[in-house]
Each structure stands twice: as structure tokens, then as C-alpha cells.
N, C-alpha and C. Protein backbone atom coordinates (compact mmCIF):
# COMPACT_ATOMS: atom_id res chain seq x y z
N UNK A 1 126.72 114.22 112.15
CA UNK A 1 126.19 114.69 110.87
C UNK A 1 125.54 116.06 111.04
N UNK A 2 125.68 116.90 110.04
CA UNK A 2 125.00 118.17 110.08
C UNK A 2 123.56 118.01 109.61
N UNK A 3 122.80 119.09 109.69
CA UNK A 3 121.35 119.02 109.49
C UNK A 3 120.96 118.42 108.14
N UNK A 4 121.49 118.93 107.02
CA UNK A 4 121.13 118.42 105.70
C UNK A 4 121.53 116.96 105.54
N UNK A 5 122.70 116.62 106.05
CA UNK A 5 123.15 115.24 105.96
C UNK A 5 122.24 114.32 106.77
N UNK A 6 121.76 114.78 107.91
CA UNK A 6 120.83 113.98 108.70
C UNK A 6 119.52 113.77 107.96
N UNK A 7 119.02 114.82 107.29
CA UNK A 7 117.78 114.68 106.51
C UNK A 7 117.96 113.66 105.39
N UNK A 8 119.08 113.75 104.69
CA UNK A 8 119.34 112.82 103.58
C UNK A 8 119.45 111.40 104.09
N UNK A 9 120.19 111.20 105.17
CA UNK A 9 120.38 109.85 105.73
C UNK A 9 119.04 109.29 106.20
N UNK A 10 118.24 110.12 106.83
CA UNK A 10 116.93 109.68 107.32
C UNK A 10 116.04 109.22 106.17
N UNK A 11 116.03 109.94 105.07
CA UNK A 11 115.20 109.54 103.92
C UNK A 11 115.69 108.24 103.31
N UNK A 12 117.00 108.10 103.21
CA UNK A 12 117.55 106.86 102.63
C UNK A 12 117.13 105.66 103.46
N UNK A 13 117.23 105.77 104.79
CA UNK A 13 116.88 104.65 105.67
C UNK A 13 115.38 104.42 105.71
N UNK A 14 114.60 105.51 105.83
CA UNK A 14 113.15 105.39 105.95
C UNK A 14 112.54 104.71 104.74
N UNK A 15 113.00 105.07 103.55
CA UNK A 15 112.42 104.54 102.31
C UNK A 15 113.24 103.40 101.71
N UNK A 16 114.25 102.94 102.43
CA UNK A 16 115.06 101.79 102.04
C UNK A 16 115.66 101.96 100.64
N UNK A 17 116.07 103.17 100.35
CA UNK A 17 116.58 103.46 99.01
C UNK A 17 117.90 102.74 98.75
N UNK A 18 118.69 102.50 99.79
CA UNK A 18 119.97 101.84 99.60
C UNK A 18 119.80 100.37 99.22
N UNK A 19 118.61 99.79 99.47
CA UNK A 19 118.34 98.41 99.08
C UNK A 19 118.07 98.27 97.58
N UNK A 20 117.69 99.36 96.95
CA UNK A 20 117.23 99.29 95.56
C UNK A 20 118.10 100.04 94.57
N UNK A 21 118.96 100.92 95.05
CA UNK A 21 119.78 101.73 94.14
C UNK A 21 121.23 101.69 94.61
N UNK A 22 122.11 101.01 93.85
CA UNK A 22 123.51 100.87 94.27
C UNK A 22 124.20 102.19 94.54
N UNK A 23 123.90 103.22 93.73
CA UNK A 23 124.57 104.50 93.93
C UNK A 23 124.17 105.14 95.26
N UNK A 24 122.92 104.86 95.70
CA UNK A 24 122.48 105.42 96.99
C UNK A 24 123.06 104.61 98.14
N UNK A 25 123.29 103.31 97.92
CA UNK A 25 123.97 102.50 98.94
C UNK A 25 125.38 103.05 99.18
N UNK A 26 126.06 103.40 98.09
CA UNK A 26 127.40 103.98 98.23
C UNK A 26 127.32 105.35 98.88
N UNK A 27 126.28 106.12 98.55
CA UNK A 27 126.08 107.44 99.16
C UNK A 27 125.88 107.31 100.67
N UNK A 28 125.13 106.31 101.09
CA UNK A 28 124.88 106.10 102.52
C UNK A 28 126.18 105.85 103.27
N UNK A 29 127.07 105.05 102.69
CA UNK A 29 128.37 104.77 103.33
C UNK A 29 129.17 106.06 103.48
N UNK A 30 129.17 106.89 102.48
CA UNK A 30 129.90 108.15 102.54
C UNK A 30 129.31 109.08 103.59
N UNK A 31 127.98 109.06 103.72
CA UNK A 31 127.34 109.86 104.76
C UNK A 31 127.75 109.38 106.15
N UNK A 32 127.80 108.07 106.32
CA UNK A 32 128.15 107.51 107.62
C UNK A 32 129.57 107.86 108.03
N UNK A 33 130.43 108.11 107.03
CA UNK A 33 131.82 108.47 107.31
C UNK A 33 132.07 109.97 107.15
N UNK A 34 130.97 110.71 106.98
CA UNK A 34 131.05 112.18 106.91
C UNK A 34 132.00 112.65 105.82
N UNK A 35 131.81 112.10 104.61
CA UNK A 35 132.71 112.40 103.51
C UNK A 35 132.07 113.24 102.42
N UNK A 36 130.96 113.92 102.73
CA UNK A 36 130.26 114.72 101.72
C UNK A 36 130.17 116.17 102.17
N UNK A 37 130.36 117.07 101.23
CA UNK A 37 130.18 118.48 101.52
C UNK A 37 128.70 118.82 101.59
N UNK A 38 128.38 119.93 102.22
CA UNK A 38 126.98 120.35 102.32
C UNK A 38 126.38 120.62 100.93
N UNK A 39 127.19 121.11 100.02
CA UNK A 39 126.72 121.37 98.66
C UNK A 39 126.28 120.06 97.99
N UNK A 40 127.08 119.02 98.10
CA UNK A 40 126.75 117.72 97.52
C UNK A 40 125.53 117.12 98.20
N UNK A 41 125.45 117.25 99.51
CA UNK A 41 124.31 116.71 100.27
C UNK A 41 123.02 117.36 99.81
N UNK A 42 123.02 118.69 99.67
CA UNK A 42 121.80 119.39 99.23
C UNK A 42 121.40 118.96 97.82
N UNK A 43 122.40 118.74 96.97
CA UNK A 43 122.10 118.28 95.61
C UNK A 43 121.46 116.90 95.64
N UNK A 44 121.96 116.02 96.50
CA UNK A 44 121.38 114.68 96.60
C UNK A 44 119.98 114.71 97.21
N UNK A 45 119.72 115.63 98.10
CA UNK A 45 118.36 115.75 98.66
C UNK A 45 117.34 115.99 97.56
N UNK A 46 117.73 116.80 96.56
CA UNK A 46 116.83 117.03 95.42
C UNK A 46 116.80 115.81 94.51
N UNK A 47 117.94 115.18 94.31
CA UNK A 47 118.06 114.09 93.35
C UNK A 47 117.27 112.85 93.77
N UNK A 48 117.16 112.59 95.07
CA UNK A 48 116.51 111.36 95.51
C UNK A 48 114.98 111.49 95.59
N UNK A 49 114.45 112.69 95.40
CA UNK A 49 113.00 112.87 95.53
C UNK A 49 112.19 111.95 94.61
N UNK A 50 112.57 111.76 93.33
CA UNK A 50 111.81 110.81 92.50
C UNK A 50 111.81 109.39 93.06
N UNK A 51 112.93 108.97 93.67
CA UNK A 51 112.99 107.64 94.27
C UNK A 51 112.07 107.55 95.48
N UNK A 52 112.03 108.63 96.26
CA UNK A 52 111.14 108.67 97.43
C UNK A 52 109.69 108.61 96.98
N UNK A 53 109.34 109.37 95.95
CA UNK A 53 107.96 109.36 95.45
C UNK A 53 107.58 107.99 94.91
N UNK A 54 108.52 107.31 94.24
CA UNK A 54 108.26 105.97 93.74
C UNK A 54 107.95 105.02 94.88
N UNK A 55 108.69 105.10 95.97
CA UNK A 55 108.43 104.24 97.13
C UNK A 55 107.10 104.58 97.78
N UNK A 56 106.73 105.85 97.80
CA UNK A 56 105.45 106.24 98.37
C UNK A 56 104.29 105.70 97.53
N UNK A 57 104.45 105.74 96.19
CA UNK A 57 103.38 105.27 95.31
C UNK A 57 103.26 103.76 95.33
N UNK A 58 104.40 103.08 95.33
CA UNK A 58 104.39 101.62 95.26
C UNK A 58 105.51 101.10 96.15
N UNK A 59 105.18 100.87 97.40
CA UNK A 59 106.19 100.52 98.40
C UNK A 59 106.82 99.17 98.07
N UNK A 60 108.13 99.15 98.02
CA UNK A 60 108.89 97.93 97.77
C UNK A 60 109.68 97.59 99.03
N UNK A 61 109.22 96.61 99.82
CA UNK A 61 109.88 96.31 101.09
C UNK A 61 111.03 95.32 100.97
N UNK A 62 111.28 94.83 99.75
CA UNK A 62 112.23 93.75 99.59
C UNK A 62 113.66 94.26 99.52
N UNK A 63 114.61 93.45 99.95
CA UNK A 63 116.02 93.83 99.82
C UNK A 63 116.47 93.80 98.37
N UNK A 64 117.69 94.20 98.15
CA UNK A 64 118.21 94.23 96.78
C UNK A 64 118.16 92.83 96.17
N UNK A 65 117.82 92.77 94.88
CA UNK A 65 117.71 91.49 94.19
C UNK A 65 119.08 90.86 93.99
N UNK A 66 119.07 89.54 93.82
CA UNK A 66 120.30 88.82 93.54
C UNK A 66 120.82 89.21 92.15
N UNK A 67 122.07 88.94 91.91
CA UNK A 67 122.67 89.25 90.62
C UNK A 67 122.31 88.22 89.57
N UNK A 68 122.70 88.50 88.33
CA UNK A 68 122.36 87.63 87.21
C UNK A 68 122.94 86.22 87.39
N UNK A 69 124.16 86.12 87.92
CA UNK A 69 124.76 84.80 88.10
C UNK A 69 123.99 83.97 89.12
N UNK A 70 123.56 84.60 90.20
CA UNK A 70 122.82 83.88 91.24
C UNK A 70 121.42 83.49 90.77
N UNK A 71 120.76 84.36 90.02
CA UNK A 71 119.41 84.07 89.54
C UNK A 71 119.41 82.99 88.47
N UNK A 72 120.46 82.95 87.66
CA UNK A 72 120.54 81.94 86.62
C UNK A 72 119.68 82.25 85.40
N UNK A 73 119.44 81.24 84.59
CA UNK A 73 118.71 81.41 83.32
C UNK A 73 117.23 81.13 83.52
N UNK A 74 116.39 81.95 82.87
CA UNK A 74 114.94 81.78 82.93
C UNK A 74 114.45 81.11 81.65
N UNK A 75 113.37 80.32 81.78
CA UNK A 75 112.78 79.70 80.59
C UNK A 75 112.18 80.77 79.67
N UNK A 76 111.52 81.75 80.27
CA UNK A 76 110.99 82.89 79.52
C UNK A 76 111.55 84.16 80.13
N UNK A 77 112.32 84.91 79.37
CA UNK A 77 112.90 86.15 79.87
C UNK A 77 111.94 87.30 79.58
N UNK A 78 111.56 88.04 80.62
CA UNK A 78 110.53 89.07 80.49
C UNK A 78 111.10 90.49 80.47
N UNK A 79 112.31 90.64 80.91
CA UNK A 79 112.89 91.98 80.95
C UNK A 79 114.09 92.00 81.87
N UNK A 80 114.44 93.20 82.34
CA UNK A 80 115.57 93.37 83.23
C UNK A 80 115.16 94.24 84.42
N UNK A 81 115.86 94.05 85.53
CA UNK A 81 115.55 94.84 86.72
C UNK A 81 115.82 96.32 86.46
N UNK A 82 114.92 97.15 86.95
CA UNK A 82 115.06 98.59 86.76
C UNK A 82 116.33 99.11 87.45
N UNK A 83 116.63 98.53 88.62
CA UNK A 83 117.78 99.00 89.39
C UNK A 83 119.08 98.32 88.96
N UNK A 84 118.99 97.26 88.15
CA UNK A 84 120.19 96.56 87.69
C UNK A 84 119.95 96.08 86.27
N UNK A 85 120.29 96.91 85.30
CA UNK A 85 119.92 96.67 83.91
C UNK A 85 120.52 95.39 83.34
N UNK A 86 121.58 94.89 83.95
CA UNK A 86 122.21 93.68 83.43
C UNK A 86 121.65 92.41 84.08
N UNK A 87 120.64 92.56 84.94
CA UNK A 87 120.06 91.41 85.62
C UNK A 87 118.69 91.08 85.02
N UNK A 88 118.57 89.96 84.30
CA UNK A 88 117.28 89.61 83.69
C UNK A 88 116.32 89.02 84.72
N UNK A 89 115.03 89.13 84.42
CA UNK A 89 113.99 88.50 85.24
C UNK A 89 113.04 87.76 84.29
N UNK A 90 112.38 86.73 84.81
CA UNK A 90 111.49 85.97 83.95
C UNK A 90 110.76 84.88 84.69
N UNK A 91 110.38 83.84 83.95
CA UNK A 91 109.56 82.74 84.46
C UNK A 91 110.29 81.43 84.19
N UNK A 92 110.23 80.52 85.16
CA UNK A 92 110.78 79.19 84.98
C UNK A 92 109.66 78.16 85.00
N UNK A 93 109.78 77.15 84.13
CA UNK A 93 108.82 76.05 84.12
C UNK A 93 109.37 74.80 84.79
N UNK A 94 110.59 74.88 85.29
CA UNK A 94 111.27 73.69 85.82
C UNK A 94 110.58 73.17 87.07
N UNK A 95 110.39 74.00 88.06
CA UNK A 95 109.81 73.58 89.34
C UNK A 95 108.30 73.80 89.30
N UNK A 96 107.54 72.77 88.95
CA UNK A 96 106.09 72.89 88.88
C UNK A 96 105.46 72.31 90.14
N UNK A 97 104.21 72.71 90.51
CA UNK A 97 103.39 73.70 89.81
C UNK A 97 103.84 75.12 90.12
N UNK A 98 103.64 75.99 89.14
CA UNK A 98 103.99 77.40 89.31
C UNK A 98 102.72 78.23 89.39
N UNK A 99 102.78 79.29 90.18
CA UNK A 99 101.66 80.22 90.27
C UNK A 99 102.22 81.63 90.13
N UNK A 100 101.58 82.43 89.32
CA UNK A 100 102.01 83.81 89.11
C UNK A 100 100.83 84.72 89.38
N UNK A 101 101.04 85.76 90.16
CA UNK A 101 100.00 86.77 90.35
C UNK A 101 100.53 88.08 89.77
N UNK A 102 99.75 88.68 88.89
CA UNK A 102 100.11 89.95 88.27
C UNK A 102 99.20 91.02 88.85
N UNK A 103 99.76 91.96 89.56
CA UNK A 103 98.92 92.99 90.17
C UNK A 103 99.55 94.36 89.96
N UNK A 104 98.70 95.37 89.93
CA UNK A 104 99.17 96.74 89.71
C UNK A 104 97.99 97.64 89.40
N UNK A 105 98.23 98.91 89.40
CA UNK A 105 97.18 99.88 89.12
C UNK A 105 96.79 99.89 87.65
N UNK A 106 95.72 100.62 87.34
CA UNK A 106 95.27 100.75 85.96
C UNK A 106 96.37 101.36 85.10
N UNK A 107 96.66 100.70 83.99
CA UNK A 107 97.67 101.21 83.08
C UNK A 107 99.10 100.86 83.46
N UNK A 108 99.29 100.01 84.46
CA UNK A 108 100.65 99.69 84.91
C UNK A 108 101.31 98.62 84.05
N UNK A 109 100.54 97.93 83.17
CA UNK A 109 101.15 96.97 82.26
C UNK A 109 100.87 95.52 82.57
N UNK A 110 99.82 95.25 83.35
CA UNK A 110 99.49 93.86 83.71
C UNK A 110 99.17 93.03 82.47
N UNK A 111 98.28 93.53 81.62
CA UNK A 111 97.90 92.78 80.41
C UNK A 111 99.07 92.63 79.46
N UNK A 112 99.90 93.66 79.35
CA UNK A 112 101.07 93.58 78.48
C UNK A 112 102.01 92.49 78.95
N UNK A 113 102.23 92.40 80.26
CA UNK A 113 103.09 91.35 80.82
C UNK A 113 102.50 89.97 80.56
N UNK A 114 101.20 89.82 80.78
CA UNK A 114 100.56 88.52 80.56
C UNK A 114 100.64 88.11 79.09
N UNK A 115 100.45 89.07 78.18
CA UNK A 115 100.57 88.75 76.76
C UNK A 115 101.98 88.32 76.41
N UNK A 116 102.98 88.95 77.03
CA UNK A 116 104.37 88.57 76.79
C UNK A 116 104.60 87.12 77.23
N UNK A 117 104.07 86.74 78.39
CA UNK A 117 104.22 85.38 78.88
C UNK A 117 103.55 84.39 77.93
N UNK A 118 102.34 84.74 77.47
CA UNK A 118 101.61 83.85 76.56
C UNK A 118 102.36 83.69 75.24
N UNK A 119 102.83 84.80 74.66
CA UNK A 119 103.54 84.73 73.39
C UNK A 119 104.81 83.89 73.49
N UNK A 120 105.59 84.14 74.54
CA UNK A 120 106.85 83.42 74.68
C UNK A 120 106.62 81.94 74.96
N UNK A 121 105.58 81.64 75.73
CA UNK A 121 105.26 80.23 76.00
C UNK A 121 104.86 79.54 74.71
N UNK A 122 104.02 80.19 73.93
CA UNK A 122 103.56 79.64 72.65
C UNK A 122 104.74 79.43 71.70
N UNK A 123 105.68 80.36 71.71
CA UNK A 123 106.81 80.30 70.79
C UNK A 123 107.83 79.24 71.21
N UNK A 124 108.18 79.20 72.49
CA UNK A 124 109.27 78.35 72.95
C UNK A 124 108.81 77.00 73.50
N UNK A 125 107.54 76.93 73.93
CA UNK A 125 107.04 75.69 74.54
C UNK A 125 105.66 75.37 73.97
N UNK A 126 105.58 75.04 72.67
CA UNK A 126 104.28 74.83 72.02
C UNK A 126 103.51 73.64 72.56
N UNK A 127 104.16 72.76 73.34
CA UNK A 127 103.45 71.61 73.89
C UNK A 127 102.64 71.97 75.13
N UNK A 128 102.85 73.18 75.67
CA UNK A 128 102.09 73.62 76.85
C UNK A 128 100.75 74.18 76.39
N UNK A 129 99.67 73.64 76.95
CA UNK A 129 98.32 74.11 76.60
C UNK A 129 97.98 75.35 77.42
N UNK A 130 97.37 76.31 76.77
CA UNK A 130 97.03 77.58 77.43
C UNK A 130 95.53 77.83 77.32
N UNK A 131 94.90 78.13 78.44
CA UNK A 131 93.49 78.50 78.47
C UNK A 131 93.39 79.91 79.04
N UNK A 132 92.83 80.84 78.28
CA UNK A 132 92.71 82.23 78.70
C UNK A 132 91.24 82.55 78.92
N UNK A 133 90.88 82.94 80.13
CA UNK A 133 89.52 83.40 80.44
C UNK A 133 89.59 84.93 80.47
N UNK A 134 89.04 85.55 79.46
CA UNK A 134 89.25 86.98 79.22
C UNK A 134 87.96 87.74 79.47
N UNK A 135 87.84 88.32 80.65
CA UNK A 135 86.62 89.04 81.03
C UNK A 135 86.53 90.40 80.33
N UNK A 136 87.66 91.07 80.13
CA UNK A 136 87.68 92.43 79.59
C UNK A 136 87.83 92.49 78.08
N UNK A 137 88.28 91.40 77.46
CA UNK A 137 88.52 91.43 76.03
C UNK A 137 89.90 91.90 75.64
N UNK A 138 90.87 91.81 76.56
CA UNK A 138 92.23 92.26 76.28
C UNK A 138 93.00 91.29 75.39
N UNK A 139 92.48 90.06 75.21
CA UNK A 139 93.25 89.03 74.52
C UNK A 139 92.51 88.48 73.29
N UNK A 140 91.50 89.20 72.81
CA UNK A 140 90.70 88.73 71.69
C UNK A 140 91.52 88.57 70.41
N UNK A 141 92.62 89.31 70.30
CA UNK A 141 93.43 89.28 69.08
C UNK A 141 94.38 88.10 69.04
N UNK A 142 94.53 87.34 70.13
CA UNK A 142 95.55 86.29 70.18
C UNK A 142 95.41 85.24 69.08
N UNK A 143 94.19 84.77 68.75
CA UNK A 143 94.10 83.78 67.66
C UNK A 143 94.65 84.31 66.34
N UNK A 144 94.38 85.57 66.02
CA UNK A 144 94.91 86.14 64.77
C UNK A 144 96.43 86.31 64.85
N UNK A 145 96.93 86.67 66.00
CA UNK A 145 98.36 86.92 66.15
C UNK A 145 99.16 85.62 66.20
N UNK A 146 98.64 84.62 66.90
CA UNK A 146 99.40 83.39 67.13
C UNK A 146 98.97 82.24 66.23
N UNK A 147 97.89 82.44 65.46
CA UNK A 147 97.50 81.40 64.51
C UNK A 147 96.23 80.67 64.91
N UNK A 148 95.20 80.79 64.08
CA UNK A 148 93.93 80.13 64.38
C UNK A 148 93.99 78.62 64.19
N UNK A 149 95.10 78.12 63.63
CA UNK A 149 95.25 76.67 63.54
C UNK A 149 95.54 76.06 64.91
N UNK A 150 96.02 76.90 65.85
CA UNK A 150 96.30 76.41 67.21
C UNK A 150 95.42 77.05 68.26
N UNK A 151 94.85 78.20 67.95
CA UNK A 151 94.06 78.94 68.94
C UNK A 151 92.60 79.00 68.52
N UNK A 152 91.71 78.90 69.50
CA UNK A 152 90.27 79.02 69.27
C UNK A 152 89.72 80.12 70.17
N UNK A 153 88.83 80.91 69.60
CA UNK A 153 88.20 81.98 70.35
C UNK A 153 86.72 81.67 70.51
N UNK A 154 86.25 81.65 71.75
CA UNK A 154 84.83 81.44 72.04
C UNK A 154 84.30 82.68 72.76
N UNK A 155 83.17 83.18 72.31
CA UNK A 155 82.62 84.39 72.90
C UNK A 155 81.11 84.27 72.99
N UNK A 156 80.53 84.69 74.12
CA UNK A 156 79.07 84.65 74.23
C UNK A 156 78.40 85.67 73.33
N UNK A 157 79.20 86.62 72.78
CA UNK A 157 78.64 87.57 71.82
C UNK A 157 78.60 86.99 70.41
N UNK A 158 79.21 85.80 70.21
CA UNK A 158 79.23 85.17 68.89
C UNK A 158 78.56 83.80 68.92
N UNK A 159 77.54 83.68 69.77
CA UNK A 159 76.74 82.47 69.78
C UNK A 159 77.27 81.33 70.64
N UNK A 160 78.31 81.56 71.42
CA UNK A 160 78.85 80.51 72.26
C UNK A 160 77.90 80.24 73.42
N UNK A 161 77.58 78.97 73.63
CA UNK A 161 76.70 78.59 74.73
C UNK A 161 77.37 77.51 75.55
N UNK A 162 77.12 77.54 76.85
CA UNK A 162 77.78 76.62 77.74
C UNK A 162 76.79 76.15 78.80
N UNK A 163 76.82 74.86 79.11
CA UNK A 163 75.89 74.32 80.10
C UNK A 163 76.08 74.89 81.48
N UNK A 164 77.27 75.47 81.74
CA UNK A 164 77.51 76.08 83.03
C UNK A 164 77.48 77.60 82.88
N UNK A 165 76.53 78.08 82.10
CA UNK A 165 76.42 79.50 81.81
C UNK A 165 76.24 80.32 83.06
N UNK A 166 76.50 81.63 82.99
CA UNK A 166 76.43 82.50 84.16
C UNK A 166 75.00 82.64 84.66
N UNK A 167 74.84 82.98 85.93
CA UNK A 167 73.50 83.17 86.47
C UNK A 167 72.79 84.34 85.80
N UNK A 168 71.48 84.25 85.72
CA UNK A 168 70.70 85.33 85.11
C UNK A 168 70.58 86.49 86.08
N UNK A 169 70.23 87.63 85.53
CA UNK A 169 70.07 88.81 86.37
C UNK A 169 71.25 89.75 86.25
N UNK A 170 71.15 90.90 86.90
CA UNK A 170 72.19 91.94 86.78
C UNK A 170 73.39 91.69 87.68
N UNK A 171 73.97 90.49 87.59
CA UNK A 171 75.13 90.17 88.42
C UNK A 171 76.41 90.48 87.64
N UNK A 172 77.36 91.12 88.28
CA UNK A 172 78.64 91.40 87.65
C UNK A 172 79.41 90.10 87.46
N UNK A 173 80.06 89.93 86.29
CA UNK A 173 80.86 88.71 86.07
C UNK A 173 81.91 88.47 87.14
N UNK A 174 82.37 89.54 87.80
CA UNK A 174 83.40 89.37 88.82
C UNK A 174 82.91 88.56 90.00
N UNK A 175 81.58 88.41 90.14
CA UNK A 175 81.04 87.64 91.27
C UNK A 175 80.97 86.16 90.97
N UNK A 176 81.05 85.75 89.70
CA UNK A 176 80.92 84.33 89.39
C UNK A 176 82.02 83.76 88.49
N UNK A 177 82.92 84.61 87.98
CA UNK A 177 83.91 84.12 87.02
C UNK A 177 84.84 83.08 87.64
N UNK A 178 85.18 83.21 88.94
CA UNK A 178 86.07 82.23 89.57
C UNK A 178 85.43 80.85 89.61
N UNK A 179 84.11 80.79 89.83
CA UNK A 179 83.44 79.49 89.86
C UNK A 179 83.44 78.84 88.47
N UNK A 180 83.20 79.66 87.43
CA UNK A 180 83.25 79.15 86.06
C UNK A 180 84.65 78.63 85.75
N UNK A 181 85.67 79.40 86.16
CA UNK A 181 87.05 78.98 85.92
C UNK A 181 87.36 77.68 86.64
N UNK A 182 86.85 77.53 87.85
CA UNK A 182 87.10 76.30 88.62
C UNK A 182 86.48 75.09 87.93
N UNK A 183 85.27 75.24 87.41
CA UNK A 183 84.59 74.13 86.73
C UNK A 183 85.33 73.77 85.45
N UNK A 184 85.72 74.78 84.66
CA UNK A 184 86.46 74.52 83.43
C UNK A 184 87.78 73.81 83.73
N UNK A 185 88.48 74.26 84.76
CA UNK A 185 89.75 73.64 85.11
C UNK A 185 89.55 72.18 85.50
N UNK A 186 88.49 71.89 86.25
CA UNK A 186 88.22 70.51 86.65
C UNK A 186 87.91 69.63 85.44
N UNK A 187 87.13 70.17 84.49
CA UNK A 187 86.78 69.39 83.31
C UNK A 187 87.97 69.16 82.37
N UNK A 188 88.92 70.08 82.40
CA UNK A 188 90.10 69.98 81.53
C UNK A 188 91.31 69.37 82.24
N UNK A 189 91.10 68.91 83.48
CA UNK A 189 92.18 68.30 84.26
C UNK A 189 93.35 69.27 84.45
N UNK A 190 93.01 70.53 84.78
CA UNK A 190 94.02 71.56 84.99
C UNK A 190 94.10 71.91 86.47
N UNK A 191 95.28 72.34 86.90
CA UNK A 191 95.42 72.86 88.26
C UNK A 191 94.74 74.22 88.33
N UNK A 192 94.11 74.50 89.46
CA UNK A 192 93.38 75.76 89.61
C UNK A 192 93.82 76.46 90.88
N UNK A 193 93.98 77.76 90.80
CA UNK A 193 94.30 78.55 91.98
C UNK A 193 93.59 79.89 91.85
N UNK A 194 93.02 80.35 92.95
CA UNK A 194 92.36 81.65 92.91
C UNK A 194 92.96 82.55 93.98
N UNK A 195 92.98 83.83 93.71
CA UNK A 195 93.51 84.80 94.66
C UNK A 195 92.54 85.94 94.81
N UNK A 196 92.44 86.46 96.02
CA UNK A 196 91.61 87.62 96.29
C UNK A 196 92.50 88.72 96.83
N UNK A 197 92.50 89.84 96.17
CA UNK A 197 93.28 90.98 96.62
C UNK A 197 92.42 91.87 97.51
N UNK A 198 93.02 92.36 98.59
CA UNK A 198 92.28 93.28 99.44
C UNK A 198 93.27 94.19 100.14
N UNK A 199 92.74 95.29 100.65
CA UNK A 199 93.59 96.22 101.35
C UNK A 199 94.57 96.91 100.41
N UNK A 200 95.55 97.56 100.99
CA UNK A 200 96.49 98.33 100.18
C UNK A 200 97.78 97.58 99.91
N UNK A 201 98.24 96.81 100.89
CA UNK A 201 99.54 96.17 100.75
C UNK A 201 99.50 94.69 101.05
N UNK A 202 98.34 94.05 100.91
CA UNK A 202 98.23 92.65 101.29
C UNK A 202 97.44 91.87 100.27
N UNK A 203 97.71 90.58 100.17
CA UNK A 203 96.88 89.72 99.35
C UNK A 203 96.77 88.35 100.00
N UNK A 204 95.69 87.65 99.66
CA UNK A 204 95.44 86.32 100.21
C UNK A 204 95.26 85.37 99.03
N UNK A 205 95.96 84.28 99.05
CA UNK A 205 95.90 83.30 97.97
C UNK A 205 95.33 82.00 98.50
N UNK A 206 94.38 81.45 97.76
CA UNK A 206 93.73 80.20 98.18
C UNK A 206 93.88 79.18 97.07
N UNK A 207 94.89 78.30 97.15
CA UNK A 207 95.03 77.27 96.13
C UNK A 207 94.04 76.16 96.33
N UNK A 208 93.63 75.53 95.20
CA UNK A 208 92.70 74.40 95.25
C UNK A 208 93.28 73.26 94.44
């Protein structure tokens, strides 16, 4: 391989771009067989930079996802894979218990995704009971949107009192909300799971 082709091949392998983009997987094969002109190689060096930056911002170590036929049908369809627009992704209720962790940076769409799951569950599976513990107030509109005949909103700003109220003093809710959630889950006969995120690329999950 010549110099530009070596640079391109190195970036594809280093950032695993061929695992996530079919056109780059095909490009890699052509590079391995020395079937690209230097002009095309230089053009691709510029073209793959957004993909490289995406991997730097949010590293995806996983291989290419399975196709739509292999994944099958989801109970709640949430969208389609960015790298394969014809492949849907979603949530299944068949194999219980299920646990979902939604993580991402500020503004990445965590609350939007959770609201989508809640809406679709309410619409397609009304027999499933949903309890939302909303520390930030992102879901206060749900009773109005989904119907106050089925949804109830309780807020400590509207006179709600609870025997397991939070500790007094200047303690952040993030230090005690998991314990409140655990007690509520026990009283409502619900499965409970808590997760603690730490570091840059790791998480620890502690089911109870």
C-alpha cells in the first residue's frame, strides 16, 4: 500500500469503521486488494473524518448489528439503526424480567427515548403498570398527555406527603432517591434494580 492508502486503512481498523458502515467495509476490501487510485483514497480520507470524530466522541466497540430478519419483531419499535436504516430496534416484553439502562450526555435524547417507551407501552400494553420517579420534572406532562383517568401525579410542591420522606437538611436528592425508589418498589411488589455509572466507558449494575 502507498502512504495515503496506509493512512486510510489504519484509520478504518483503529476506529473499527468497517464494523459500523457497510460502505467502509467494502472500501477496506478494495484497499486490501490495492484497487483504489490515490485520488479516490485522498477523497475517502476526508470523507471518513466525521465517522472518526463520532467514534472519538462516543466509542462504539460492538461489531455490526444483526439484520432485521435475525433481530425479529419488537414489542415496542423505537427507531432504526443509523448504519442500517431498514433494521428496526426496540424493546421486547417476552423474556422477563427486563432491565434497560439509558445513558448519554446532556441533550443526547435520554428523556425523549424514555417518553417514547412509556407512550408506546401505555398505548399497546395498557395492562402494564408504570411508576415514574421524576427527579427533574421531565415527565410532569404525562397525566395530561396520556389521560388523568389512568395517570396520577404526586408532587411535594403540591402538598404530597409521604411517611418515608427525604432526610432533612441540604442533601441532594441524588444521594437518597435510590433508597426511596427501593422502598416504593417493595411496597408495590415491583422488581427493583439500581445502577451506578462511573468512569468514562464503564458501568456497574446491582440488581436487587
